[in-house]
């Protein structure tokens, strides 16, 4: 327990949710890379599609969308564009109601992921068996790590990040927070620092 609250569950896979409020709710329960689809925005976002394919083949992805028609369409679309890798589907229960921040219920009247209690989200992950006893969960790469490696805060940091992304098969135009999420899904922190330092030293 931490400050009277349950500690966040450490999840190896990248978790896919629909929007920022879903991400806020889920991140209060789990410690993992969380990717927003921005609703149907994913359908036109080629770079995010490629990122999901990469995550699926490396660490695996968990799809946690709303229990309405839109959520089902997004879930189905993700499965159609990610032919290889590990995909786990989680479902929140159908509960009718309205989220506090909204003035009216959704079209179908169901609560989305953001409207679920923290306990429901927690139990959804626990029931899926995503926490395996003895499983090693990677330490995350940090913003300070990127700074110390010259990947942020320096005149040529953007160029360095683009070169790194090209090498790893990531979208070359990524914000620092997005790159941190990607690296944390692909590598253990110490592994990434060691590998990047070796590659940088080879280049002189």
N, C-alpha and C. Protein backbone atom coordinates (compact mmCIF):
# COMPACT_ATOMS: atom_id res chain seq x y z
N UNK A 1 0.84 -1.20 0.00
CA UNK A 1 0.00 0.00 0.00
C UNK A 1 0.87 1.24 0.00
N UNK A 2 0.41 2.30 -0.65
CA UNK A 2 1.19 3.52 -0.76
C UNK A 2 0.29 4.70 -0.44
N UNK A 3 0.58 5.37 0.73
CA UNK A 3 -0.24 6.50 1.16
C UNK A 3 -1.73 6.13 1.23
N UNK A 4 -2.01 4.91 1.70
CA UNK A 4 -3.39 4.49 1.84
C UNK A 4 -4.03 4.01 0.55
N UNK A 5 -3.27 4.07 -0.54
CA UNK A 5 -3.80 3.64 -1.83
C UNK A 5 -3.05 2.40 -2.29
N UNK A 6 -3.69 1.55 -3.09
CA UNK A 6 -3.02 0.39 -3.64
C UNK A 6 -1.93 0.85 -4.60
N UNK A 7 -0.81 0.17 -4.57
CA UNK A 7 0.26 0.51 -5.50
C UNK A 7 -0.20 0.22 -6.92
N UNK A 8 0.33 0.97 -7.86
CA UNK A 8 -0.03 0.75 -9.26
C UNK A 8 0.51 -0.59 -9.74
N UNK A 9 -0.28 -1.24 -10.57
CA UNK A 9 0.11 -2.52 -11.13
C UNK A 9 1.13 -2.30 -12.25
N UNK A 10 2.22 -3.04 -12.21
CA UNK A 10 3.23 -2.92 -13.26
C UNK A 10 2.87 -3.84 -14.41
N UNK A 11 2.66 -3.27 -15.57
CA UNK A 11 2.24 -4.03 -16.75
C UNK A 11 3.33 -3.96 -17.81
N UNK A 12 3.72 -5.11 -18.34
CA UNK A 12 4.78 -5.18 -19.35
C UNK A 12 4.33 -4.61 -20.69
N UNK A 13 3.09 -4.89 -21.08
CA UNK A 13 2.60 -4.50 -22.39
C UNK A 13 2.27 -3.00 -22.46
N UNK A 14 2.20 -2.50 -23.69
CA UNK A 14 1.69 -1.15 -23.92
C UNK A 14 0.16 -1.23 -23.94
N UNK A 15 -0.48 -0.32 -23.23
CA UNK A 15 -1.94 -0.34 -23.10
C UNK A 15 -2.55 0.73 -23.99
N UNK A 16 -3.52 0.35 -24.80
CA UNK A 16 -4.14 1.27 -25.77
C UNK A 16 -5.52 1.68 -25.28
N UNK A 17 -5.72 3.00 -25.13
CA UNK A 17 -7.01 3.55 -24.72
C UNK A 17 -7.44 4.59 -25.75
N UNK A 18 -8.68 5.07 -25.62
CA UNK A 18 -9.21 5.99 -26.64
C UNK A 18 -8.76 7.43 -26.47
N UNK A 19 -8.85 7.98 -25.27
CA UNK A 19 -8.59 9.40 -25.12
C UNK A 19 -7.80 9.76 -23.87
N UNK A 20 -7.56 11.07 -23.70
CA UNK A 20 -6.69 11.52 -22.61
C UNK A 20 -7.31 11.28 -21.23
N UNK A 21 -8.65 11.35 -21.13
CA UNK A 21 -9.26 11.12 -19.83
C UNK A 21 -9.23 9.64 -19.46
N UNK A 22 -9.31 8.77 -20.48
CA UNK A 22 -9.12 7.33 -20.24
C UNK A 22 -7.70 7.09 -19.75
N UNK A 23 -6.74 7.77 -20.38
CA UNK A 23 -5.33 7.60 -20.00
C UNK A 23 -5.10 8.04 -18.57
N UNK A 24 -5.71 9.16 -18.18
CA UNK A 24 -5.55 9.65 -16.81
C UNK A 24 -6.08 8.63 -15.81
N UNK A 25 -7.25 8.06 -16.09
CA UNK A 25 -7.85 7.08 -15.18
C UNK A 25 -7.00 5.83 -15.10
N UNK A 26 -6.62 5.29 -16.26
CA UNK A 26 -5.87 4.03 -16.28
C UNK A 26 -4.48 4.21 -15.66
N UNK A 27 -3.85 5.36 -15.90
CA UNK A 27 -2.51 5.58 -15.36
C UNK A 27 -2.52 5.73 -13.84
N UNK A 28 -3.69 5.96 -13.25
CA UNK A 28 -3.77 6.02 -11.79
C UNK A 28 -3.77 4.62 -11.18
N UNK A 29 -3.97 3.61 -12.04
CA UNK A 29 -4.07 2.24 -11.57
C UNK A 29 -2.87 1.39 -11.98
N UNK A 30 -2.35 1.63 -13.19
CA UNK A 30 -1.25 0.82 -13.69
C UNK A 30 -0.02 1.66 -14.01
N UNK A 31 1.13 1.00 -13.99
CA UNK A 31 2.40 1.60 -14.38
C UNK A 31 2.79 0.93 -15.69
N UNK A 32 2.57 1.63 -16.79
CA UNK A 32 2.82 1.05 -18.12
C UNK A 32 2.86 2.16 -19.16
N UNK A 33 3.32 1.83 -20.34
CA UNK A 33 3.19 2.74 -21.47
C UNK A 33 1.73 2.75 -21.89
N UNK A 34 1.14 3.93 -21.99
CA UNK A 34 -0.27 4.03 -22.38
C UNK A 34 -0.37 4.87 -23.65
N UNK A 35 -1.01 4.33 -24.67
CA UNK A 35 -1.13 4.98 -25.97
C UNK A 35 -2.57 5.39 -26.21
N UNK A 36 -2.79 6.65 -26.55
CA UNK A 36 -4.13 7.14 -26.89
C UNK A 36 -4.38 7.01 -28.39
N UNK A 37 -5.57 6.57 -28.76
CA UNK A 37 -5.92 6.51 -30.19
C UNK A 37 -6.48 7.84 -30.67
N UNK A 38 -6.82 8.74 -29.73
CA UNK A 38 -7.54 9.98 -30.07
C UNK A 38 -8.82 9.65 -30.81
N UNK A 39 -9.56 8.70 -30.25
CA UNK A 39 -10.80 8.27 -30.89
C UNK A 39 -10.53 7.65 -32.24
N UNK A 40 -11.29 8.08 -33.24
CA UNK A 40 -11.10 7.57 -34.60
C UNK A 40 -9.90 8.22 -35.28
N UNK A 41 -9.21 9.13 -34.59
CA UNK A 41 -8.03 9.77 -35.17
C UNK A 41 -6.97 8.75 -35.56
N UNK A 42 -6.96 7.61 -34.90
CA UNK A 42 -6.00 6.55 -35.22
C UNK A 42 -6.12 6.10 -36.67
N UNK A 43 -7.34 6.17 -37.21
CA UNK A 43 -7.58 5.65 -38.56
C UNK A 43 -6.74 6.37 -39.62
N UNK A 44 -6.35 7.63 -39.33
CA UNK A 44 -5.56 8.41 -40.29
C UNK A 44 -4.12 8.63 -39.83
N UNK A 45 -3.81 8.19 -38.63
CA UNK A 45 -2.48 8.44 -38.05
C UNK A 45 -1.55 7.28 -38.37
N UNK A 46 -0.86 7.37 -39.50
CA UNK A 46 0.01 6.29 -39.97
C UNK A 46 1.16 6.01 -39.00
N UNK A 47 1.70 7.07 -38.40
CA UNK A 47 2.83 6.87 -37.48
C UNK A 47 2.40 6.12 -36.22
N UNK A 48 1.22 6.45 -35.70
CA UNK A 48 0.75 5.74 -34.51
C UNK A 48 0.39 4.30 -34.85
N UNK A 49 -0.13 4.07 -36.03
CA UNK A 49 -0.41 2.71 -36.47
C UNK A 49 0.87 1.88 -36.49
N UNK A 50 1.94 2.47 -37.03
CA UNK A 50 3.22 1.78 -37.11
C UNK A 50 3.77 1.51 -35.71
N UNK A 51 3.56 2.46 -34.81
CA UNK A 51 4.02 2.31 -33.44
C UNK A 51 3.30 1.14 -32.75
N UNK A 52 1.99 1.01 -32.99
CA UNK A 52 1.24 -0.10 -32.39
C UNK A 52 1.73 -1.43 -32.93
N UNK A 53 2.06 -1.48 -34.21
CA UNK A 53 2.59 -2.72 -34.78
C UNK A 53 3.92 -3.09 -34.14
N UNK A 54 4.74 -2.07 -33.90
CA UNK A 54 6.04 -2.30 -33.28
C UNK A 54 5.87 -2.78 -31.85
N UNK A 55 4.99 -2.14 -31.09
CA UNK A 55 4.75 -2.55 -29.72
C UNK A 55 4.24 -4.00 -29.67
N UNK A 56 3.32 -4.33 -30.56
CA UNK A 56 2.74 -5.68 -30.57
C UNK A 56 3.81 -6.75 -30.76
N UNK A 57 4.78 -6.45 -31.62
CA UNK A 57 5.83 -7.44 -31.92
C UNK A 57 6.93 -7.49 -30.86
N UNK A 58 7.02 -6.46 -30.03
CA UNK A 58 8.10 -6.43 -29.03
C UNK A 58 7.59 -6.74 -27.63
N UNK A 59 6.80 -5.85 -27.07
CA UNK A 59 6.32 -6.05 -25.69
C UNK A 59 4.87 -6.51 -25.63
N UNK A 60 4.14 -6.42 -26.76
CA UNK A 60 2.72 -6.77 -26.75
C UNK A 60 1.86 -5.55 -26.46
N UNK A 61 0.60 -5.59 -26.88
CA UNK A 61 -0.32 -4.51 -26.59
C UNK A 61 -1.59 -5.05 -25.92
N UNK A 62 -2.19 -4.20 -25.10
CA UNK A 62 -3.45 -4.51 -24.44
C UNK A 62 -4.45 -3.46 -24.90
N UNK A 63 -5.57 -3.88 -25.48
CA UNK A 63 -6.59 -2.94 -25.96
C UNK A 63 -7.66 -2.79 -24.90
N UNK A 64 -7.87 -1.56 -24.43
CA UNK A 64 -8.90 -1.28 -23.42
C UNK A 64 -9.72 -0.09 -23.90
N UNK A 65 -10.70 -0.36 -24.75
CA UNK A 65 -11.55 0.71 -25.27
C UNK A 65 -12.92 0.66 -24.57
N UNK A 66 -13.74 1.67 -24.82
CA UNK A 66 -15.07 1.73 -24.20
C UNK A 66 -15.93 0.55 -24.66
N UNK A 67 -16.99 0.29 -23.91
CA UNK A 67 -17.85 -0.85 -24.22
C UNK A 67 -19.00 -0.48 -25.15
N UNK A 68 -18.84 0.62 -25.90
CA UNK A 68 -19.89 1.03 -26.83
C UNK A 68 -19.50 0.69 -28.27
N UNK A 69 -20.33 1.10 -29.22
CA UNK A 69 -20.09 0.77 -30.63
C UNK A 69 -18.79 1.38 -31.14
N UNK A 70 -18.52 2.63 -30.76
CA UNK A 70 -17.29 3.28 -31.20
C UNK A 70 -16.07 2.53 -30.68
N UNK A 71 -16.12 2.13 -29.41
CA UNK A 71 -15.00 1.39 -28.83
C UNK A 71 -14.77 0.08 -29.55
N UNK A 72 -15.86 -0.59 -29.94
CA UNK A 72 -15.74 -1.86 -30.67
C UNK A 72 -15.12 -1.64 -32.05
N UNK A 73 -15.48 -0.54 -32.71
CA UNK A 73 -14.92 -0.25 -34.03
C UNK A 73 -13.42 0.02 -33.94
N UNK A 74 -13.02 0.77 -32.92
CA UNK A 74 -11.59 1.07 -32.74
C UNK A 74 -10.82 -0.20 -32.43
N UNK A 75 -11.39 -1.04 -31.58
CA UNK A 75 -10.76 -2.31 -31.23
C UNK A 75 -10.58 -3.18 -32.48
N UNK A 76 -11.64 -3.27 -33.27
CA UNK A 76 -11.58 -4.08 -34.49
C UNK A 76 -10.57 -3.53 -35.48
N UNK A 77 -10.50 -2.19 -35.57
CA UNK A 77 -9.55 -1.58 -36.50
C UNK A 77 -8.11 -1.88 -36.09
N UNK A 78 -7.83 -1.79 -34.80
CA UNK A 78 -6.47 -2.08 -34.33
C UNK A 78 -6.09 -3.51 -34.68
N UNK A 79 -7.00 -4.44 -34.46
CA UNK A 79 -6.70 -5.83 -34.77
C UNK A 79 -6.46 -6.04 -36.26
N UNK A 80 -7.14 -5.23 -37.09
CA UNK A 80 -6.99 -5.39 -38.55
C UNK A 80 -5.66 -4.84 -39.06
N UNK A 81 -5.08 -3.88 -38.35
CA UNK A 81 -3.82 -3.28 -38.83
C UNK A 81 -2.60 -3.84 -38.11
N UNK A 82 -2.83 -4.72 -37.12
CA UNK A 82 -1.72 -5.33 -36.40
C UNK A 82 -1.79 -6.85 -36.61
N UNK A 83 -1.24 -7.32 -37.73
CA UNK A 83 -1.37 -8.74 -38.08
C UNK A 83 -0.49 -9.66 -37.26
N UNK A 84 0.61 -9.13 -36.71
CA UNK A 84 1.55 -9.98 -35.98
C UNK A 84 1.78 -9.43 -34.58
N UNK A 85 2.16 -10.33 -33.69
CA UNK A 85 2.50 -9.91 -32.34
C UNK A 85 1.45 -10.31 -31.32
N UNK A 86 1.65 -9.82 -30.12
CA UNK A 86 0.78 -10.18 -28.99
C UNK A 86 -0.28 -9.10 -28.76
N UNK A 87 -1.54 -9.50 -28.84
CA UNK A 87 -2.64 -8.57 -28.59
C UNK A 87 -3.56 -9.18 -27.53
N UNK A 88 -3.82 -8.43 -26.48
CA UNK A 88 -4.75 -8.86 -25.44
C UNK A 88 -5.90 -7.86 -25.39
N UNK A 89 -7.12 -8.37 -25.42
CA UNK A 89 -8.30 -7.50 -25.35
C UNK A 89 -8.90 -7.53 -23.95
N UNK A 90 -9.06 -6.36 -23.36
CA UNK A 90 -9.73 -6.24 -22.08
C UNK A 90 -11.02 -5.46 -22.27
N UNK A 91 -12.03 -5.76 -21.46
CA UNK A 91 -13.33 -5.12 -21.61
C UNK A 91 -13.83 -4.61 -20.27
N UNK A 92 -14.28 -3.36 -20.26
CA UNK A 92 -14.91 -2.84 -19.05
C UNK A 92 -16.39 -3.22 -19.09
N UNK A 93 -17.03 -3.36 -17.93
CA UNK A 93 -18.45 -3.77 -17.91
C UNK A 93 -19.35 -2.68 -18.47
N UNK A 94 -20.52 -3.09 -18.94
CA UNK A 94 -21.50 -2.13 -19.44
C UNK A 94 -22.25 -1.54 -18.25
N UNK A 95 -21.92 -0.32 -17.93
CA UNK A 95 -22.57 0.38 -16.82
C UNK A 95 -23.16 1.67 -17.39
N UNK A 96 -24.43 1.87 -17.17
CA UNK A 96 -25.10 3.06 -17.70
C UNK A 96 -24.95 4.23 -16.71
N UNK A 97 -24.67 5.39 -17.29
CA UNK A 97 -24.48 6.56 -16.45
C UNK A 97 -23.79 7.67 -17.23
N UNK A 98 -23.32 8.68 -16.50
CA UNK A 98 -22.67 9.84 -17.13
C UNK A 98 -21.40 10.18 -16.36
N UNK A 99 -20.31 10.43 -17.11
CA UNK A 99 -19.08 10.86 -16.47
C UNK A 99 -19.27 12.25 -15.86
N UNK A 100 -18.59 12.54 -14.77
CA UNK A 100 -18.78 13.79 -14.04
C UNK A 100 -18.48 15.02 -14.89
N UNK A 101 -17.47 14.92 -15.76
CA UNK A 101 -17.07 16.11 -16.51
C UNK A 101 -18.03 16.42 -17.67
N UNK A 102 -18.91 15.49 -18.00
CA UNK A 102 -19.81 15.65 -19.14
C UNK A 102 -21.16 16.22 -18.70
N UNK A 103 -21.77 16.97 -19.61
CA UNK A 103 -23.08 17.55 -19.30
C UNK A 103 -24.22 16.59 -19.63
N UNK A 104 -23.94 15.59 -20.45
CA UNK A 104 -24.96 14.61 -20.82
C UNK A 104 -24.31 13.25 -21.04
N UNK A 105 -25.08 12.19 -20.91
CA UNK A 105 -24.54 10.85 -21.14
C UNK A 105 -24.09 10.69 -22.59
N UNK A 106 -23.30 9.66 -22.87
CA UNK A 106 -22.90 9.36 -24.24
C UNK A 106 -24.12 8.92 -25.04
N UNK A 107 -23.96 8.80 -26.34
CA UNK A 107 -25.07 8.44 -27.22
C UNK A 107 -25.76 7.16 -26.78
N UNK A 108 -24.97 6.19 -26.33
CA UNK A 108 -25.53 4.90 -25.91
C UNK A 108 -25.78 4.85 -24.41
N UNK A 109 -25.43 5.94 -23.71
CA UNK A 109 -25.72 6.02 -22.29
C UNK A 109 -24.80 5.21 -21.39
N UNK A 110 -23.71 4.68 -21.94
CA UNK A 110 -22.81 3.84 -21.15
C UNK A 110 -21.59 4.62 -20.69
N UNK A 111 -21.10 4.27 -19.51
CA UNK A 111 -19.87 4.86 -19.02
C UNK A 111 -18.69 4.32 -19.82
N UNK A 112 -17.75 5.20 -20.12
CA UNK A 112 -16.54 4.76 -20.80
C UNK A 112 -15.49 4.34 -19.79
N UNK A 113 -14.30 4.09 -20.28
CA UNK A 113 -13.20 3.69 -19.40
C UNK A 113 -12.97 4.74 -18.31
N UNK A 114 -13.04 6.02 -18.70
CA UNK A 114 -12.79 7.09 -17.72
C UNK A 114 -13.82 7.12 -16.60
N UNK A 115 -15.01 6.57 -16.86
CA UNK A 115 -16.07 6.58 -15.87
C UNK A 115 -16.04 5.40 -14.91
N UNK A 116 -15.15 4.44 -15.17
CA UNK A 116 -15.04 3.28 -14.30
C UNK A 116 -14.29 3.64 -13.02
N UNK A 117 -14.62 2.94 -11.95
CA UNK A 117 -13.88 3.15 -10.70
C UNK A 117 -12.48 2.56 -10.84
N UNK A 118 -11.56 3.05 -10.03
CA UNK A 118 -10.20 2.52 -10.05
C UNK A 118 -10.21 1.03 -9.74
N UNK A 119 -11.10 0.60 -8.85
CA UNK A 119 -11.15 -0.82 -8.48
C UNK A 119 -11.59 -1.69 -9.66
N UNK A 120 -12.54 -1.20 -10.45
CA UNK A 120 -12.97 -1.96 -11.63
C UNK A 120 -11.83 -2.09 -12.62
N UNK A 121 -11.12 -0.99 -12.86
CA UNK A 121 -9.97 -1.05 -13.77
C UNK A 121 -8.93 -2.03 -13.26
N UNK A 122 -8.64 -1.95 -11.97
CA UNK A 122 -7.65 -2.84 -11.36
C UNK A 122 -8.05 -4.31 -11.53
N UNK A 123 -9.30 -4.62 -11.21
CA UNK A 123 -9.77 -6.00 -11.31
C UNK A 123 -9.78 -6.49 -12.76
N UNK A 124 -10.03 -5.58 -13.69
CA UNK A 124 -10.02 -5.95 -15.11
C UNK A 124 -8.64 -6.46 -15.52
N UNK A 125 -7.60 -5.79 -15.07
CA UNK A 125 -6.24 -6.22 -15.39
C UNK A 125 -5.86 -7.48 -14.61
N UNK A 126 -6.24 -7.55 -13.36
CA UNK A 126 -5.89 -8.72 -12.54
C UNK A 126 -6.55 -9.99 -13.07
N UNK A 127 -7.82 -9.89 -13.45
CA UNK A 127 -8.53 -11.07 -13.96
C UNK A 127 -7.92 -11.58 -15.26
N UNK A 128 -7.32 -10.67 -16.02
CA UNK A 128 -6.72 -11.07 -17.31
C UNK A 128 -5.40 -11.81 -17.13
N UNK A 129 -4.90 -11.85 -15.90
CA UNK A 129 -3.66 -12.57 -15.65
C UNK A 129 -2.44 -11.90 -16.24
N UNK A 130 -2.49 -10.58 -16.38
CA UNK A 130 -1.36 -9.88 -16.98
C UNK A 130 -0.19 -9.74 -16.03
N UNK A 131 -0.44 -9.90 -14.73
CA UNK A 131 0.64 -9.86 -13.76
C UNK A 131 1.05 -11.28 -13.42
N UNK A 132 2.20 -11.67 -13.91
CA UNK A 132 2.67 -13.03 -13.69
C UNK A 132 3.74 -13.01 -12.60
N UNK A 133 3.59 -13.89 -11.64
CA UNK A 133 4.53 -13.92 -10.52
C UNK A 133 5.95 -14.17 -11.02
N UNK A 134 6.87 -13.36 -10.57
CA UNK A 134 8.27 -13.53 -10.96
C UNK A 134 8.63 -12.86 -12.27
N UNK A 135 7.65 -12.30 -12.98
CA UNK A 135 7.94 -11.66 -14.26
C UNK A 135 8.69 -10.35 -14.04
N UNK A 136 9.73 -10.14 -14.83
CA UNK A 136 10.52 -8.93 -14.71
C UNK A 136 9.86 -7.81 -15.51
N UNK A 137 9.56 -6.70 -14.87
CA UNK A 137 9.00 -5.55 -15.55
C UNK A 137 10.11 -4.52 -15.73
N UNK A 138 10.24 -3.99 -16.94
CA UNK A 138 11.33 -3.08 -17.24
C UNK A 138 11.26 -1.80 -16.43
N UNK A 139 12.45 -1.29 -16.05
CA UNK A 139 12.54 0.06 -15.51
C UNK A 139 12.42 1.03 -16.67
N UNK A 140 11.68 2.13 -16.47
CA UNK A 140 11.44 3.07 -17.54
C UNK A 140 12.64 3.97 -17.80
N UNK A 141 12.82 4.30 -19.08
CA UNK A 141 13.77 5.34 -19.47
C UNK A 141 13.19 6.67 -18.99
N UNK A 142 14.06 7.58 -18.55
CA UNK A 142 13.58 8.84 -18.00
C UNK A 142 14.01 10.03 -18.86
N UNK A 143 13.37 11.16 -18.61
CA UNK A 143 13.74 12.40 -19.31
C UNK A 143 15.18 12.79 -19.00
N UNK A 144 15.60 12.55 -17.77
CA UNK A 144 16.98 12.84 -17.37
C UNK A 144 17.97 11.97 -18.15
N UNK A 145 17.59 10.72 -18.41
CA UNK A 145 18.45 9.83 -19.20
C UNK A 145 18.69 10.41 -20.59
N UNK A 146 17.62 10.88 -21.24
CA UNK A 146 17.76 11.45 -22.58
C UNK A 146 18.65 12.69 -22.55
N UNK A 147 18.49 13.48 -21.51
CA UNK A 147 19.32 14.69 -21.38
C UNK A 147 20.79 14.32 -21.24
N UNK A 148 21.08 13.35 -20.39
CA UNK A 148 22.47 12.96 -20.15
C UNK A 148 23.09 12.28 -21.37
N UNK A 149 22.27 11.68 -22.21
CA UNK A 149 22.77 11.03 -23.43
C UNK A 149 22.83 11.99 -24.61
N UNK A 150 22.41 13.23 -24.40
CA UNK A 150 22.44 14.21 -25.48
C UNK A 150 21.26 14.14 -26.41
N UNK A 151 20.23 13.41 -26.00
CA UNK A 151 19.04 13.26 -26.84
C UNK A 151 18.00 14.34 -26.56
N UNK A 152 18.27 15.17 -25.59
CA UNK A 152 17.43 16.35 -25.34
C UNK A 152 18.30 17.42 -24.70
N UNK A 153 17.93 18.67 -24.90
CA UNK A 153 18.63 19.77 -24.25
C UNK A 153 19.88 20.26 -24.93
N UNK A 154 20.27 19.65 -26.04
CA UNK A 154 21.47 20.08 -26.76
C UNK A 154 21.10 20.58 -28.16
N UNK A 155 22.01 21.31 -28.79
CA UNK A 155 21.72 21.90 -30.09
C UNK A 155 21.40 20.85 -31.15
N UNK A 156 22.05 19.70 -31.06
CA UNK A 156 21.83 18.66 -32.07
C UNK A 156 20.95 17.51 -31.57
N UNK A 157 20.24 17.74 -30.47
CA UNK A 157 19.43 16.66 -29.87
C UNK A 157 18.34 16.16 -30.81
N UNK A 158 17.69 17.08 -31.51
CA UNK A 158 16.62 16.66 -32.41
C UNK A 158 17.16 15.75 -33.50
N UNK A 159 18.32 16.09 -34.06
CA UNK A 159 18.93 15.25 -35.09
C UNK A 159 19.30 13.89 -34.52
N UNK A 160 19.83 13.88 -33.30
CA UNK A 160 20.19 12.62 -32.65
C UNK A 160 18.95 11.74 -32.45
N UNK A 161 17.85 12.36 -32.04
CA UNK A 161 16.62 11.59 -31.82
C UNK A 161 16.11 11.01 -33.14
N UNK A 162 16.19 11.79 -34.21
CA UNK A 162 15.72 11.31 -35.51
C UNK A 162 16.56 10.13 -35.98
N UNK A 163 17.86 10.20 -35.79
CA UNK A 163 18.74 9.10 -36.18
C UNK A 163 18.44 7.84 -35.36
N UNK A 164 18.19 8.04 -34.06
CA UNK A 164 17.84 6.91 -33.19
C UNK A 164 16.54 6.28 -33.63
N UNK A 165 15.54 7.12 -33.93
CA UNK A 165 14.24 6.61 -34.35
C UNK A 165 14.35 5.82 -35.66
N UNK A 166 15.14 6.32 -36.60
CA UNK A 166 15.33 5.61 -37.86
C UNK A 166 15.93 4.23 -37.61
N UNK A 167 16.91 4.17 -36.73
CA UNK A 167 17.57 2.89 -36.44
C UNK A 167 16.60 1.90 -35.80
N UNK A 168 15.70 2.40 -34.94
CA UNK A 168 14.80 1.51 -34.22
C UNK A 168 13.49 1.24 -34.96
N UNK A 169 13.31 1.91 -36.12
CA UNK A 169 12.07 1.73 -36.86
C UNK A 169 10.91 2.48 -36.28
N UNK A 170 11.21 3.55 -35.52
CA UNK A 170 10.16 4.38 -34.93
C UNK A 170 9.87 5.57 -35.82
N UNK A 171 8.70 6.21 -35.67
CA UNK A 171 8.43 7.44 -36.41
C UNK A 171 9.53 8.46 -36.09
N UNK A 172 10.04 9.12 -37.10
CA UNK A 172 11.16 10.04 -36.88
C UNK A 172 10.74 11.33 -36.20
N UNK A 173 9.48 11.70 -36.31
CA UNK A 173 9.01 12.92 -35.66
C UNK A 173 8.24 12.51 -34.39
N UNK A 174 8.96 12.42 -33.29
CA UNK A 174 8.35 12.04 -32.02
C UNK A 174 8.73 13.06 -30.96
N UNK A 175 7.78 13.43 -30.13
CA UNK A 175 8.09 14.32 -29.01
C UNK A 175 8.95 13.55 -28.01
N UNK A 176 9.60 14.27 -27.13
CA UNK A 176 10.42 13.61 -26.11
C UNK A 176 9.58 12.67 -25.25
N UNK A 177 8.40 13.07 -24.75
CA UNK A 177 7.58 12.13 -23.96
C UNK A 177 7.20 10.88 -24.74
N UNK A 178 6.87 11.04 -26.02
CA UNK A 178 6.50 9.88 -26.84
C UNK A 178 7.70 8.95 -27.03
N UNK A 179 8.87 9.54 -27.23
CA UNK A 179 10.08 8.72 -27.39
C UNK A 179 10.39 7.97 -26.10
N UNK A 180 10.21 8.63 -24.98
CA UNK A 180 10.44 7.97 -23.69
C UNK A 180 9.52 6.76 -23.54
N UNK A 181 8.25 6.93 -23.91
CA UNK A 181 7.31 5.81 -23.85
C UNK A 181 7.76 4.66 -24.76
N UNK A 182 8.17 5.01 -25.97
CA UNK A 182 8.58 3.99 -26.94
C UNK A 182 9.81 3.23 -26.44
N UNK A 183 10.80 3.96 -25.98
CA UNK A 183 12.03 3.33 -25.50
C UNK A 183 11.75 2.47 -24.27
N UNK A 184 10.86 2.92 -23.41
CA UNK A 184 10.52 2.16 -22.20
C UNK A 184 9.79 0.87 -22.52
N UNK A 185 9.08 0.85 -23.64
CA UNK A 185 8.39 -0.37 -24.07
C UNK A 185 9.35 -1.34 -24.73
N UNK A 186 10.39 -0.82 -25.37
CA UNK A 186 11.32 -1.65 -26.13
C UNK A 186 12.51 -2.13 -25.32
N UNK A 187 12.92 -1.35 -24.32
CA UNK A 187 14.14 -1.66 -23.59
C UNK A 187 13.96 -1.50 -22.09
N UNK A 188 14.77 -2.25 -21.34
CA UNK A 188 14.98 -1.91 -19.94
C UNK A 188 15.88 -0.67 -19.92
N UNK A 189 15.71 0.17 -18.93
CA UNK A 189 16.44 1.43 -18.85
C UNK A 189 17.95 1.24 -18.99
N UNK A 190 18.52 0.36 -18.19
CA UNK A 190 19.98 0.16 -18.22
C UNK A 190 20.43 -0.42 -19.55
N UNK A 191 19.60 -1.29 -20.12
CA UNK A 191 19.91 -1.88 -21.42
C UNK A 191 20.00 -0.81 -22.50
N UNK A 192 19.03 0.10 -22.49
CA UNK A 192 19.03 1.16 -23.50
C UNK A 192 20.23 2.08 -23.33
N UNK A 193 20.50 2.51 -22.10
CA UNK A 193 21.63 3.41 -21.86
C UNK A 193 22.94 2.78 -22.31
N UNK A 194 23.12 1.52 -21.97
CA UNK A 194 24.36 0.81 -22.35
C UNK A 194 24.49 0.69 -23.86
N UNK A 195 23.40 0.27 -24.53
CA UNK A 195 23.45 0.06 -25.98
C UNK A 195 23.65 1.38 -26.72
N UNK A 196 22.93 2.42 -26.30
CA UNK A 196 23.05 3.70 -26.99
C UNK A 196 24.44 4.29 -26.79
N UNK A 197 24.99 4.16 -25.60
CA UNK A 197 26.33 4.68 -25.33
C UNK A 197 27.37 3.99 -26.20
N UNK A 198 27.25 2.66 -26.35
CA UNK A 198 28.18 1.92 -27.19
C UNK A 198 28.09 2.36 -28.64
N UNK A 199 26.86 2.50 -29.15
CA UNK A 199 26.67 2.91 -30.54
C UNK A 199 27.19 4.33 -30.77
N UNK A 200 26.97 5.20 -29.80
CA UNK A 200 27.43 6.58 -29.94
C UNK A 200 28.94 6.64 -29.93
N UNK A 201 29.58 5.85 -29.09
CA UNK A 201 31.04 5.85 -29.01
C UNK A 201 31.67 5.29 -30.29
N UNK A 202 30.99 4.33 -30.92
CA UNK A 202 31.50 3.78 -32.18
C UNK A 202 31.53 4.83 -33.27
N UNK A 203 30.53 5.73 -33.22
CA UNK A 203 30.45 6.77 -34.23
C UNK A 203 31.42 7.91 -33.95
N UNK A 204 32.07 7.85 -32.80
CA UNK A 204 33.02 8.88 -32.44
C UNK A 204 32.36 10.11 -31.93
